[in-house]
Amino acid sequence: MIVIMAVAFTASTTPPPLKVSAENAHRYIGRWVQVTGKMVRIHSAPYKPGVPVFLNMVKPYPNCPLEVVVFESAANHMHPTPTELTGRTITVEGRIQAASGSAAQIVPDRAAALTVLP
């Protein structure tokens, strides 16, 4: 019983993700963050492995400061769908990665890591 309580205590003390703007996301490569921003362009890449969908935040590619990458397997379970996100403000949680063509990328690890704000 002591072990169970120790595990529960450890899990509950995990700090929340760092909140950053899409414009500054490139400064947090490798960090777990939460980013809120407006989706301005959606682009799919059916020729790439996993059939990724790229959600451009703030500005369209190639000038977007942050791309949210959602793979087909996750995109099929999203409501609203990625194509319905254009013009909407979202919050996404995940690890910031370096990218080519945009300042940074974030790949949410689960569907709940991406939420649409009212």
PDB file of N, CA and C in Angstrom:
ATOM      1  N   MET A   1       0.822  -1.189   0.000  1.00  0.00           N
ATOM      2  CA  MET A   1       0.000   0.000   0.000  1.00  0.00           C
ATOM      3  C   MET A   1       0.864   1.249   0.000  1.00  0.00           C
ATOM      4  N   ILE A   2       1.969   1.223   0.664  1.00  0.00           N
ATOM      5  CA  ILE A   2       2.875   2.371   0.682  1.00  0.00           C
ATOM      6  C   ILE A   2       3.421   2.634  -0.711  1.00  0.00           C
ATOM      7  N   VAL A   3       3.738   1.587  -1.449  1.00  0.00           N
ATOM      8  CA  VAL A   3       4.253   1.738  -2.808  1.00  0.00           C
ATOM      9  C   VAL A   3       3.219   2.418  -3.700  1.00  0.00           C
ATOM     10  N   ILE A   4       1.971   2.015  -3.602  1.00  0.00           N
ATOM     11  CA  ILE A   4       0.905   2.610  -4.403  1.00  0.00           C
ATOM     12  C   ILE A   4       0.776   4.094  -4.081  1.00  0.00           C
ATOM     13  N   MET A   5       0.824   4.457  -2.826  1.00  0.00           N
ATOM     14  CA  MET A   5       0.721   5.856  -2.445  1.00  0.00           C
ATOM     15  C   MET A   5       1.912   6.648  -2.963  1.00  0.00           C
ATOM     16  N   ALA A   6       3.101   6.073  -2.951  1.00  0.00           N
ATOM     17  CA  ALA A   6       4.290   6.762  -3.446  1.00  0.00           C
ATOM     18  C   ALA A   6       4.178   7.017  -4.942  1.00  0.00           C
ATOM     19  N   VAL A   7       3.681   6.036  -5.684  1.00  0.00           N
ATOM     20  CA  VAL A   7       3.499   6.207  -7.123  1.00  0.00           C
ATOM     21  C   VAL A   7       2.461   7.280  -7.398  1.00  0.00           C
ATOM     22  N   ALA A   8       1.353   7.262  -6.682  1.00  0.00           N
ATOM     23  CA  ALA A   8       0.312   8.265  -6.879  1.00  0.00           C
ATOM     24  C   ALA A   8       0.836   9.655  -6.551  1.00  0.00           C
ATOM     25  N   PHE A   9       1.634   9.787  -5.496  1.00  0.00           N
ATOM     26  CA  PHE A   9       2.189  11.078  -5.122  1.00  0.00           C
ATOM     27  C   PHE A   9       3.154  11.575  -6.194  1.00  0.00           C
ATOM     28  N   THR A  10       3.989  10.702  -6.717  1.00  0.00           N
ATOM     29  CA  THR A  10       4.940  11.078  -7.756  1.00  0.00           C
ATOM     30  C   THR A  10       4.214  11.547  -9.007  1.00  0.00           C
ATOM     31  N   ALA A  11       3.180  10.834  -9.423  1.00  0.00           N
ATOM     32  CA  ALA A  11       2.435  11.202 -10.626  1.00  0.00           C
ATOM     33  C   ALA A  11       1.726  12.537 -10.443  1.00  0.00           C
ATOM     34  N   SER A  12       1.232  12.816  -9.267  1.00  0.00           N
ATOM     35  CA  SER A  12       0.487  14.053  -9.053  1.00  0.00           C
ATOM     36  C   SER A  12       1.396  15.273  -8.931  1.00  0.00           C
ATOM     37  N   THR A  13       2.697  15.075  -8.745  1.00  0.00           N
ATOM     38  CA  THR A  13       3.607  16.206  -8.616  1.00  0.00           C
ATOM     39  C   THR A  13       4.309  16.539  -9.929  1.00  0.00           C
ATOM     40  N   THR A  14       3.925  15.894 -11.018  1.00  0.00           N
ATOM     41  CA  THR A  14       4.503  16.198 -12.316  1.00  0.00           C
ATOM     42  C   THR A  14       4.118  17.624 -12.687  1.00  0.00           C
ATOM     43  N   PRO A  15       5.118  18.457 -13.006  1.00  0.00           N
ATOM     44  CA  PRO A  15       4.784  19.848 -13.320  1.00  0.00           C
ATOM     45  C   PRO A  15       4.008  19.951 -14.625  1.00  0.00           C
ATOM     46  N   PRO A  16       3.159  20.966 -14.745  1.00  0.00           N
ATOM     47  CA  PRO A  16       2.414  21.161 -15.991  1.00  0.00           C
ATOM     48  C   PRO A  16       3.377  21.569 -17.105  1.00  0.00           C
ATOM     49  N   PRO A  17       2.971  21.401 -18.366  1.00  0.00           N
ATOM     50  CA  PRO A  17       3.850  21.790 -19.462  1.00  0.00           C
ATOM     51  C   PRO A  17       4.074  23.303 -19.464  1.00  0.00           C
ATOM     52  N   LEU A  18       5.209  23.696 -19.967  1.00  0.00           N
ATOM     53  CA  LEU A  18       5.544  25.100 -20.114  1.00  0.00           C
ATOM     54  C   LEU A  18       4.642  25.712 -21.182  1.00  0.00           C
ATOM     55  N   LYS A  19       4.036  26.848 -20.926  1.00  0.00           N
ATOM     56  CA  LYS A  19       3.160  27.500 -21.901  1.00  0.00           C
ATOM     57  C   LYS A  19       3.982  28.509 -22.693  1.00  0.00           C
ATOM     58  N   VAL A  20       3.995  28.337 -24.014  1.00  0.00           N
ATOM     59  CA  VAL A  20       4.770  29.211 -24.889  1.00  0.00           C
ATOM     60  C   VAL A  20       3.921  29.644 -26.080  1.00  0.00           C
ATOM     61  N   SER A  21       4.337  30.711 -26.724  1.00  0.00           N
ATOM     62  CA  SER A  21       3.630  31.158 -27.926  1.00  0.00           C
ATOM     63  C   SER A  21       4.180  30.415 -29.130  1.00  0.00           C
ATOM     64  N   ALA A  22       3.387  30.323 -30.172  1.00  0.00           N
ATOM     65  CA  ALA A  22       3.842  29.666 -31.403  1.00  0.00           C
ATOM     66  C   ALA A  22       5.062  30.379 -31.969  1.00  0.00           C
ATOM     67  N   GLU A  23       5.100  31.699 -31.864  1.00  0.00           N
ATOM     68  CA  GLU A  23       6.222  32.478 -32.386  1.00  0.00           C
ATOM     69  C   GLU A  23       7.534  32.172 -31.669  1.00  0.00           C
ATOM     70  N   ASN A  24       7.467  31.779 -30.412  1.00  0.00           N
ATOM     71  CA  ASN A  24       8.677  31.495 -29.635  1.00  0.00           C
ATOM     72  C   ASN A  24       8.951  30.012 -29.458  1.00  0.00           C
ATOM     73  N   ALA A  25       8.157  29.150 -30.051  1.00  0.00           N
ATOM     74  CA  ALA A  25       8.295  27.701 -29.855  1.00  0.00           C
ATOM     75  C   ALA A  25       9.686  27.200 -30.242  1.00  0.00           C
ATOM     76  N   HIS A  26      10.298  27.778 -31.273  1.00  0.00           N
ATOM     77  CA  HIS A  26      11.624  27.326 -31.715  1.00  0.00           C
ATOM     78  C   HIS A  26      12.691  27.474 -30.635  1.00  0.00           C
ATOM     79  N   ARG A  27      12.437  28.259 -29.635  1.00  0.00           N
ATOM     80  CA  ARG A  27      13.391  28.456 -28.529  1.00  0.00           C
ATOM     81  C   ARG A  27      13.326  27.320 -27.511  1.00  0.00           C
ATOM     82  N   TYR A  28      12.376  26.405 -27.688  1.00  0.00           N
ATOM     83  CA  TYR A  28      12.147  25.339 -26.716  1.00  0.00           C
ATOM     84  C   TYR A  28      12.311  23.947 -27.320  1.00  0.00           C
ATOM     85  N   ILE A  29      13.200  23.811 -28.291  1.00  0.00           N
ATOM     86  CA  ILE A  29      13.458  22.510 -28.927  1.00  0.00           C
ATOM     87  C   ILE A  29      13.787  21.481 -27.843  1.00  0.00           C
ATOM     88  N   GLY A  30      13.101  20.343 -27.909  1.00  0.00           N
ATOM     89  CA  GLY A  30      13.336  19.265 -26.949  1.00  0.00           C
ATOM     90  C   GLY A  30      12.524  19.371 -25.668  1.00  0.00           C
ATOM     91  N   ARG A  31      11.828  20.467 -25.462  1.00  0.00           N
ATOM     92  CA  ARG A  31      11.051  20.671 -24.233  1.00  0.00           C
ATOM     93  C   ARG A  31       9.591  20.289 -24.443  1.00  0.00           C
ATOM     94  N   TRP A  32       8.932  19.869 -23.362  1.00  0.00           N
ATOM     95  CA  TRP A  32       7.513  19.552 -23.368  1.00  0.00           C
ATOM     96  C   TRP A  32       6.766  20.853 -23.099  1.00  0.00           C
ATOM     97  N   VAL A  33       5.896  21.262 -24.031  1.00  0.00           N
ATOM     98  CA  VAL A  33       5.236  22.557 -23.923  1.00  0.00           C
ATOM     99  C   VAL A  33       3.752  22.467 -24.263  1.00  0.00           C
ATOM    100  N   GLN A  34       3.061  23.550 -23.987  1.00  0.00           N
ATOM    101  CA  GLN A  34       1.680  23.740 -24.416  1.00  0.00           C
ATOM    102  C   GLN A  34       1.652  25.045 -25.204  1.00  0.00           C
ATOM    103  N   VAL A  35       1.163  24.977 -26.431  1.00  0.00           N
ATOM    104  CA  VAL A  35       1.137  26.131 -27.322  1.00  0.00           C
ATOM    105  C   VAL A  35      -0.311  26.413 -27.730  1.00  0.00           C
ATOM    106  N   THR A  36      -0.682  27.682 -27.696  1.00  0.00           N
ATOM    107  CA  THR A  36      -2.002  28.096 -28.170  1.00  0.00           C
ATOM    108  C   THR A  36      -1.800  29.042 -29.343  1.00  0.00           C
ATOM    109  N   GLY A  37      -2.558  28.821 -30.407  1.00  0.00           N
ATOM    110  CA  GLY A  37      -2.449  29.693 -31.561  1.00  0.00           C
ATOM    111  C   GLY A  37      -3.512  29.398 -32.589  1.00  0.00           C
ATOM    112  N   LYS A  38      -3.571  30.258 -33.577  1.00  0.00           N
ATOM    113  CA  LYS A  38      -4.571  30.131 -34.636  1.00  0.00           C
ATOM    114  C   LYS A  38      -4.014  29.295 -35.778  1.00  0.00           C
ATOM    115  N   MET A  39      -4.838  28.342 -36.251  1.00  0.00           N
ATOM    116  CA  MET A  39      -4.475  27.524 -37.405  1.00  0.00           C
ATOM    117  C   MET A  39      -4.824  28.320 -38.659  1.00  0.00           C
ATOM    118  N   VAL A  40      -3.851  28.505 -39.526  1.00  0.00           N
ATOM    119  CA  VAL A  40      -4.106  29.307 -40.722  1.00  0.00           C
ATOM    120  C   VAL A  40      -4.054  28.502 -42.009  1.00  0.00           C
ATOM    121  N   ARG A  41      -3.443  27.325 -41.961  1.00  0.00           N
ATOM    122  CA  ARG A  41      -3.356  26.500 -43.176  1.00  0.00           C
ATOM    123  C   ARG A  41      -3.176  25.041 -42.800  1.00  0.00           C
ATOM    124  N   ILE A  42      -3.841  24.177 -43.543  1.00  0.00           N
ATOM    125  CA  ILE A  42      -3.746  22.733 -43.352  1.00  0.00           C
ATOM    126  C   ILE A  42      -3.211  22.140 -44.652  1.00  0.00           C
ATOM    127  N   HIS A  43      -2.228  21.228 -44.530  1.00  0.00           N
ATOM    128  CA  HIS A  43      -1.664  20.590 -45.717  1.00  0.00           C
ATOM    129  C   HIS A  43      -1.374  19.125 -45.401  1.00  0.00           C
ATOM    130  N   SER A  44      -1.818  18.215 -46.258  1.00  0.00           N
ATOM    131  CA  SER A  44      -1.509  16.800 -46.048  1.00  0.00           C
ATOM    132  C   SER A  44      -0.393  16.391 -46.995  1.00  0.00           C
ATOM    133  N   ALA A  45       0.317  15.369 -46.595  1.00  0.00           N
ATOM    134  CA  ALA A  45       1.431  14.854 -47.391  1.00  0.00           C
ATOM    135  C   ALA A  45       1.225  13.360 -47.609  1.00  0.00           C
ATOM    136  N   PRO A  46       0.361  12.980 -48.558  1.00  0.00           N
ATOM    137  CA  PRO A  46       0.029  11.569 -48.757  1.00  0.00           C
ATOM    138  C   PRO A  46       1.208  10.714 -49.217  1.00  0.00           C
ATOM    139  N   TYR A  47       2.262  11.327 -49.684  1.00  0.00           N
ATOM    140  CA  TYR A  47       3.445  10.615 -50.172  1.00  0.00           C
ATOM    141  C   TYR A  47       4.457  10.318 -49.063  1.00  0.00           C
ATOM    142  N   LYS A  48       4.257  10.837 -47.860  1.00  0.00           N
ATOM    143  CA  LYS A  48       5.192  10.620 -46.749  1.00  0.00           C
ATOM    144  C   LYS A  48       4.690   9.486 -45.848  1.00  0.00           C
ATOM    145  N   PRO A  49       5.620   8.780 -45.194  1.00  0.00           N
ATOM    146  CA  PRO A  49       5.221   7.703 -44.280  1.00  0.00           C
ATOM    147  C   PRO A  49       4.297   8.210 -43.177  1.00  0.00           C
ATOM    148  N   GLY A  50       3.228   7.471 -42.915  1.00  0.00           N
ATOM    149  CA  GLY A  50       2.274   7.836 -41.881  1.00  0.00           C
ATOM    150  C   GLY A  50       1.248   8.852 -42.334  1.00  0.00           C
ATOM    151  N   VAL A  51       1.371   9.319 -43.564  1.00  0.00           N
ATOM    152  CA  VAL A  51       0.469  10.309 -44.166  1.00  0.00           C
ATOM    153  C   VAL A  51       0.213  11.464 -43.183  1.00  0.00           C
ATOM    154  N   PRO A  52       1.229  12.289 -42.934  1.00  0.00           N
ATOM    155  CA  PRO A  52       1.055  13.383 -41.981  1.00  0.00           C
ATOM    156  C   PRO A  52       0.193  14.514 -42.530  1.00  0.00           C
ATOM    157  N   VAL A  53      -0.483  15.184 -41.599  1.00  0.00           N
ATOM    158  CA  VAL A  53      -1.218  16.407 -41.893  1.00  0.00           C
ATOM    159  C   VAL A  53      -0.481  17.500 -41.127  1.00  0.00           C
ATOM    160  N   PHE A  54      -0.120  18.571 -41.828  1.00  0.00           N
ATOM    161  CA  PHE A  54       0.609  19.680 -41.222  1.00  0.00           C
ATOM    162  C   PHE A  54      -0.360  20.831 -40.967  1.00  0.00           C
ATOM    163  N   LEU A  55      -0.467  21.232 -39.725  1.00  0.00           N
ATOM    164  CA  LEU A  55      -1.327  22.338 -39.327  1.00  0.00           C
ATOM    165  C   LEU A  55      -0.421  23.533 -39.068  1.00  0.00           C
ATOM    166  N   ASN A  56      -0.476  24.542 -39.923  1.00  0.00           N
ATOM    167  CA  ASN A  56       0.376  25.724 -39.789  1.00  0.00           C
ATOM    168  C   ASN A  56      -0.242  26.715 -38.816  1.00  0.00           C
ATOM    169  N   MET A  57       0.527  27.083 -37.796  1.00  0.00           N
ATOM    170  CA  MET A  57       0.055  28.057 -36.810  1.00  0.00           C
ATOM    171  C   MET A  57       0.555  29.448 -37.174  1.00  0.00           C
ATOM    172  N   VAL A  58      -0.285  30.432 -36.986  1.00  0.00           N
ATOM    173  CA  VAL A  58      -0.012  31.861 -37.101  1.00  0.00           C
ATOM    174  C   VAL A  58       0.185  32.334 -38.541  1.00  0.00           C
ATOM    175  N   LYS A  59       1.118  31.708 -39.297  1.00  0.00           N
ATOM    176  CA  LYS A  59       1.386  32.083 -40.688  1.00  0.00           C
ATOM    177  C   LYS A  59       1.458  30.809 -41.525  1.00  0.00           C
ATOM    178  N   PRO A  60       1.118  30.906 -42.817  1.00  0.00           N
ATOM    179  CA  PRO A  60       1.210  29.718 -43.668  1.00  0.00           C
ATOM    180  C   PRO A  60       2.661  29.339 -43.967  1.00  0.00           C
ATOM    181  N   TYR A  61       2.860  28.047 -44.261  1.00  0.00           N
ATOM    182  CA  TYR A  61       4.158  27.535 -44.697  1.00  0.00           C
ATOM    183  C   TYR A  61       4.594  28.331 -45.920  1.00  0.00           C
ATOM    184  N   PRO A  62       5.818  28.725 -46.072  1.00  0.00           N
ATOM    185  CA  PRO A  62       7.008  28.346 -45.313  1.00  0.00           C
ATOM    186  C   PRO A  62       7.365  29.307 -44.184  1.00  0.00           C
ATOM    187  N   ASN A  63       6.505  30.255 -43.868  1.00  0.00           N
ATOM    188  CA  ASN A  63       6.813  31.247 -42.832  1.00  0.00           C
ATOM    189  C   ASN A  63       6.190  30.946 -41.480  1.00  0.00           C
ATOM    190  N   CYS A  64       5.579  29.786 -41.331  1.00  0.00           N
ATOM    191  CA  CYS A  64       4.918  29.487 -40.065  1.00  0.00           C
ATOM    192  C   CYS A  64       5.962  29.239 -38.972  1.00  0.00           C
ATOM    193  N   PRO A  65       5.730  29.806 -37.806  1.00  0.00           N
ATOM    194  CA  PRO A  65       6.665  29.585 -36.710  1.00  0.00           C
ATOM    195  C   PRO A  65       6.546  28.201 -36.082  1.00  0.00           C
ATOM    196  N   LEU A  66       5.374  27.557 -36.261  1.00  0.00           N
ATOM    197  CA  LEU A  66       5.176  26.231 -35.673  1.00  0.00           C
ATOM    198  C   LEU A  66       4.188  25.437 -36.513  1.00  0.00           C
ATOM    199  N   GLU A  67       4.577  24.214 -36.840  1.00  0.00           N
ATOM    200  CA  GLU A  67       3.692  23.268 -37.515  1.00  0.00           C
ATOM    201  C   GLU A  67       3.310  22.186 -36.526  1.00  0.00           C
ATOM    202  N   VAL A  68       2.029  21.889 -36.476  1.00  0.00           N
ATOM    203  CA  VAL A  68       1.553  20.763 -35.689  1.00  0.00           C
ATOM    204  C   VAL A  68       1.434  19.603 -36.672  1.00  0.00           C
ATOM    205  N   VAL A  69       2.093  18.493 -36.374  1.00  0.00           N
ATOM    206  CA  VAL A  69       2.090  17.341 -37.271  1.00  0.00           C
ATOM    207  C   VAL A  69       1.188  16.268 -36.668  1.00  0.00           C
ATOM    208  N   VAL A  70       0.134  15.930 -37.409  1.00  0.00           N
ATOM    209  CA  VAL A  70      -0.805  14.902 -36.965  1.00  0.00           C
ATOM    210  C   VAL A  70      -0.775  13.798 -38.018  1.00  0.00           C
ATOM    211  N   PHE A  71      -0.457  12.584 -37.597  1.00  0.00           N
ATOM    212  CA  PHE A  71      -0.407  11.468 -38.536  1.00  0.00           C
ATOM    213  C   PHE A  71      -1.804  10.929 -38.802  1.00  0.00           C
ATOM    214  N   GLU A  72      -1.981  10.310 -39.965  1.00  0.00           N
ATOM    215  CA  GLU A  72      -3.284   9.849 -40.428  1.00  0.00           C
ATOM    216  C   GLU A  72      -4.017   9.021 -39.378  1.00  0.00           C
ATOM    217  N   SER A  73      -3.306   8.161 -38.683  1.00  0.00           N
ATOM    218  CA  SER A  73      -3.958   7.302 -37.687  1.00  0.00           C
ATOM    219  C   SER A  73      -4.626   8.128 -36.593  1.00  0.00           C
ATOM    220  N   ALA A  74      -4.020   9.237 -36.191  1.00  0.00           N
ATOM    221  CA  ALA A  74      -4.618  10.113 -35.177  1.00  0.00           C
ATOM    222  C   ALA A  74      -5.639  11.057 -35.804  1.00  0.00           C
ATOM    223  N   ALA A  75      -5.357  11.537 -37.011  1.00  0.00           N
ATOM    224  CA  ALA A  75      -6.261  12.479 -37.686  1.00  0.00           C
ATOM    225  C   ALA A  75      -7.634  11.859 -37.925  1.00  0.00           C
ATOM    226  N   ASN A  76      -7.669  10.551 -38.174  1.00  0.00           N
ATOM    227  CA  ASN A  76      -8.936   9.861 -38.415  1.00  0.00           C
ATOM    228  C   ASN A  76      -9.844   9.842 -37.190  1.00  0.00           C
ATOM    229  N   HIS A  77      -9.273  10.091 -36.010  1.00  0.00           N
ATOM    230  CA  HIS A  77     -10.048  10.059 -34.769  1.00  0.00           C
ATOM    231  C   HIS A  77     -10.292  11.452 -34.199  1.00  0.00           C
ATOM    232  N   MET A  78      -9.891  12.485 -34.909  1.00  0.00           N
ATOM    233  CA  MET A  78     -10.053  13.846 -34.412  1.00  0.00           C
ATOM    234  C   MET A  78     -11.434  14.412 -34.728  1.00  0.00           C
ATOM    235  N   HIS A  79     -12.001  15.123 -33.757  1.00  0.00           N
ATOM    236  CA  HIS A  79     -13.263  15.839 -33.945  1.00  0.00           C
ATOM    237  C   HIS A  79     -13.109  17.201 -33.306  1.00  0.00           C
ATOM    238  N   PRO A  80     -13.119  18.298 -34.038  1.00  0.00           N
ATOM    239  CA  PRO A  80     -13.302  18.349 -35.483  1.00  0.00           C
ATOM    240  C   PRO A  80     -12.094  17.787 -36.219  1.00  0.00           C
ATOM    241  N   THR A  81     -12.281  17.490 -37.485  1.00  0.00           N
ATOM    242  CA  THR A  81     -11.190  16.947 -38.299  1.00  0.00           C
ATOM    243  C   THR A  81     -10.169  18.041 -38.575  1.00  0.00           C
ATOM    244  N   PRO A  82      -8.932  17.661 -38.954  1.00  0.00           N
ATOM    245  CA  PRO A  82      -7.917  18.679 -39.255  1.00  0.00           C
ATOM    246  C   PRO A  82      -8.375  19.719 -40.277  1.00  0.00           C
ATOM    247  N   THR A  83      -9.110  19.301 -41.305  1.00  0.00           N
ATOM    248  CA  THR A  83      -9.548  20.260 -42.322  1.00  0.00           C
ATOM    249  C   THR A  83     -10.561  21.267 -41.783  1.00  0.00           C
ATOM    250  N   GLU A  84     -11.208  20.949 -40.667  1.00  0.00           N
ATOM    251  CA  GLU A  84     -12.167  21.870 -40.053  1.00  0.00           C
ATOM    252  C   GLU A  84     -11.516  22.844 -39.075  1.00  0.00           C
ATOM    253  N   LEU A  85     -10.196  22.771 -38.927  1.00  0.00           N
ATOM    254  CA  LEU A  85      -9.502  23.616 -37.957  1.00  0.00           C
ATOM    255  C   LEU A  85      -9.032  24.956 -38.516  1.00  0.00           C
ATOM    256  N   THR A  86      -9.044  25.129 -39.832  1.00  0.00           N
ATOM    257  CA  THR A  86      -8.572  26.377 -40.416  1.00  0.00           C
ATOM    258  C   THR A  86      -9.362  27.550 -39.850  1.00  0.00           C
ATOM    259  N   GLY A  87      -8.626  28.554 -39.362  1.00  0.00           N
ATOM    260  CA  GLY A  87      -9.249  29.737 -38.778  1.00  0.00           C
ATOM    261  C   GLY A  87      -9.614  29.591 -37.319  1.00  0.00           C
ATOM    262  N   ARG A  88      -9.429  28.408 -36.750  1.00  0.00           N
ATOM    263  CA  ARG A  88      -9.776  28.158 -35.345  1.00  0.00           C
ATOM    264  C   ARG A  88      -8.526  28.287 -34.466  1.00  0.00           C
ATOM    265  N   THR A  89      -8.726  28.617 -33.222  1.00  0.00           N
ATOM    266  CA  THR A  89      -7.634  28.683 -32.256  1.00  0.00           C
ATOM    267  C   THR A  89      -7.589  27.359 -31.509  1.00  0.00           C
ATOM    268  N   ILE A  90      -6.393  26.787 -31.438  1.00  0.00           N
ATOM    269  CA  ILE A  90      -6.227  25.501 -30.753  1.00  0.00           C
ATOM    270  C   ILE A  90      -5.129  25.601 -29.702  1.00  0.00           C
ATOM    271  N   THR A  91      -5.165  24.649 -28.798  1.00  0.00           N
ATOM    272  CA  THR A  91      -4.079  24.446 -27.848  1.00  0.00           C
ATOM    273  C   THR A  91      -3.549  23.051 -28.109  1.00  0.00           C
ATOM    274  N   VAL A  92      -2.236  22.948 -28.210  1.00  0.00           N
ATOM    275  CA  VAL A  92      -1.617  21.649 -28.461  1.00  0.00           C
ATOM    276  C   VAL A  92      -0.485  21.448 -27.465  1.00  0.00           C
ATOM    277  N   GLU A  93      -0.351  20.197 -27.007  1.00  0.00           N
ATOM    278  CA  GLU A  93       0.676  19.851 -26.034  1.00  0.00           C
ATOM    279  C   GLU A  93       1.573  18.775 -26.612  1.00  0.00           C
ATOM    280  N   GLY A  94       2.876  18.926 -26.442  1.00  0.00           N
ATOM    281  CA  GLY A  94       3.822  17.931 -26.924  1.00  0.00           C
ATOM    282  C   GLY A  94       5.243  18.447 -26.845  1.00  0.00           C
ATOM    283  N   ARG A  95       6.167  17.692 -27.443  1.00  0.00           N
ATOM    284  CA  ARG A  95       7.591  18.046 -27.424  1.00  0.00           C
ATOM    285  C   ARG A  95       7.934  18.807 -28.705  1.00  0.00           C
ATOM    286  N   ILE A  96       8.575  19.953 -28.552  1.00  0.00           N
ATOM    287  CA  ILE A  96       8.989  20.769 -29.696  1.00  0.00           C
ATOM    288  C   ILE A  96      10.188  20.110 -30.371  1.00  0.00           C
ATOM    289  N   GLN A  97      10.132  20.052 -31.705  1.00  0.00           N
ATOM    290  CA  GLN A  97      11.208  19.462 -32.511  1.00  0.00           C
ATOM    291  C   GLN A  97      11.704  20.483 -33.518  1.00  0.00           C
ATOM    292  N   ALA A  98      12.968  20.327 -33.919  1.00  0.00           N
ATOM    293  CA  ALA A  98      13.504  21.135 -35.008  1.00  0.00           C
ATOM    294  C   ALA A  98      12.811  20.684 -36.290  1.00  0.00           C
ATOM    295  N   ALA A  99      12.721  21.575 -37.258  1.00  0.00           N
ATOM    296  CA  ALA A  99      12.025  21.250 -38.505  1.00  0.00           C
ATOM    297  C   ALA A  99      12.707  21.924 -39.676  1.00  0.00           C
ATOM    298  N   SER A 100      12.456  21.385 -40.852  1.00  0.00           N
ATOM    299  CA  SER A 100      12.917  22.062 -42.058  1.00  0.00           C
ATOM    300  C   SER A 100      11.696  22.673 -42.728  1.00  0.00           C
ATOM    301  N   GLY A 101      11.786  23.920 -43.139  1.00  0.00           N
ATOM    302  CA  GLY A 101      10.672  24.589 -43.780  1.00  0.00           C
ATOM    303  C   GLY A 101       9.830  25.429 -42.845  1.00  0.00           C
ATOM    304  N   SER A 102       9.894  25.161 -41.564  1.00  0.00           N
ATOM    305  CA  SER A 102       9.222  25.993 -40.567  1.00  0.00           C
ATOM    306  C   SER A 102      10.185  26.124 -39.398  1.00  0.00           C
ATOM    307  N   ALA A 103       9.900  27.030 -38.509  1.00  0.00           N
ATOM    308  CA  ALA A 103      10.810  27.251 -37.387  1.00  0.00           C
ATOM    309  C   ALA A 103      10.864  26.054 -36.443  1.00  0.00           C
ATOM    310  N   ALA A 104       9.729  25.379 -36.237  1.00  0.00           N
ATOM    311  CA  ALA A 104       9.670  24.237 -35.322  1.00  0.00           C
ATOM    312  C   ALA A 104       8.429  23.410 -35.611  1.00  0.00           C
ATOM    313  N   GLN A 105       8.417  22.180 -35.061  1.00  0.00           N
ATOM    314  CA  GLN A 105       7.258  21.293 -35.187  1.00  0.00           C
ATOM    315  C   GLN A 105       6.924  20.735 -33.822  1.00  0.00           C
ATOM    316  N   ILE A 106       5.666  20.354 -33.678  1.00  0.00           N
ATOM    317  CA  ILE A 106       5.224  19.660 -32.484  1.00  0.00           C
ATOM    318  C   ILE A 106       4.330  18.514 -32.950  1.00  0.00           C
ATOM    319  N   VAL A 107       4.561  17.330 -32.393  1.00  0.00           N
ATOM    320  CA  VAL A 107       3.780  16.152 -32.738  1.00  0.00           C
ATOM    321  C   VAL A 107       3.043  15.714 -31.481  1.00  0.00           C
ATOM    322  N   PRO A 108       1.735  15.986 -31.397  1.00  0.00           N
ATOM    323  CA  PRO A 108       1.000  15.561 -30.205  1.00  0.00           C
ATOM    324  C   PRO A 108       1.052  14.048 -30.064  1.00  0.00           C
ATOM    325  N   ASP A 109       1.238  13.559 -28.837  1.00  0.00           N
ATOM    326  CA  ASP A 109       1.361  12.116 -28.619  1.00  0.00           C
ATOM    327  C   ASP A 109       0.019  11.423 -28.470  1.00  0.00           C
ATOM    328  N   ARG A 110      -1.053  12.183 -28.391  1.00  0.00           N
ATOM    329  CA  ARG A 110      -2.387  11.595 -28.252  1.00  0.00           C
ATOM    330  C   ARG A 110      -3.418  12.628 -28.705  1.00  0.00           C
ATOM    331  N   ALA A 111      -4.587  12.159 -29.043  1.00  0.00           N
ATOM    332  CA  ALA A 111      -5.635  13.047 -29.557  1.00  0.00           C
ATOM    333  C   ALA A 111      -6.017  14.113 -28.537  1.00  0.00           C
ATOM    334  N   ALA A 112      -6.008  13.768 -27.257  1.00  0.00           N
ATOM    335  CA  ALA A 112      -6.410  14.729 -26.220  1.00  0.00           C
ATOM    336  C   ALA A 112      -5.402  15.854 -26.075  1.00  0.00           C
ATOM    337  N   ALA A 113      -4.226  15.720 -26.676  1.00  0.00           N
ATOM    338  CA  ALA A 113      -3.200  16.756 -26.573  1.00  0.00           C
ATOM    339  C   ALA A 113      -3.524  17.954 -27.459  1.00  0.00           C
ATOM    340  N   LEU A 114      -4.545  17.852 -28.295  1.00  0.00           N
ATOM    341  CA  LEU A 114      -4.938  18.952 -29.174  1.00  0.00           C
ATOM    342  C   LEU A 114      -6.405  19.277 -28.884  1.00  0.00           C
ATOM    343  N   THR A 115      -6.644  20.517 -28.456  1.00  0.00           N
ATOM    344  CA  THR A 115      -8.017  20.926 -28.171  1.00  0.00           C
ATOM    345  C   THR A 115      -8.353  22.207 -28.930  1.00  0.00           C
ATOM    346  N   VAL A 116      -9.594  22.339 -29.308  1.00  0.00           N
ATOM    347  CA  VAL A 116     -10.079  23.520 -30.013  1.00  0.00           C
ATOM    348  C   VAL A 116     -10.724  24.442 -28.996  1.00  0.00           C
ATOM    349  N   LEU A 117     -10.338  25.711 -29.024  1.00  0.00           N
ATOM    350  CA  LEU A 117     -10.892  26.682 -28.086  1.00  0.00           C
ATOM    351  C   LEU A 117     -12.148  27.313 -28.692  1.00  0.00           C
ATOM    352  N   PRO A 118     -13.055  27.750 -27.834  1.00  0.00           N
ATOM    353  CA  PRO A 118     -14.296  28.364 -28.334  1.00  0.00           C
ATOM    354  C   PRO A 118     -14.031  29.682 -29.041  1.00  0.00           C
TER     355      PRO A 118
END
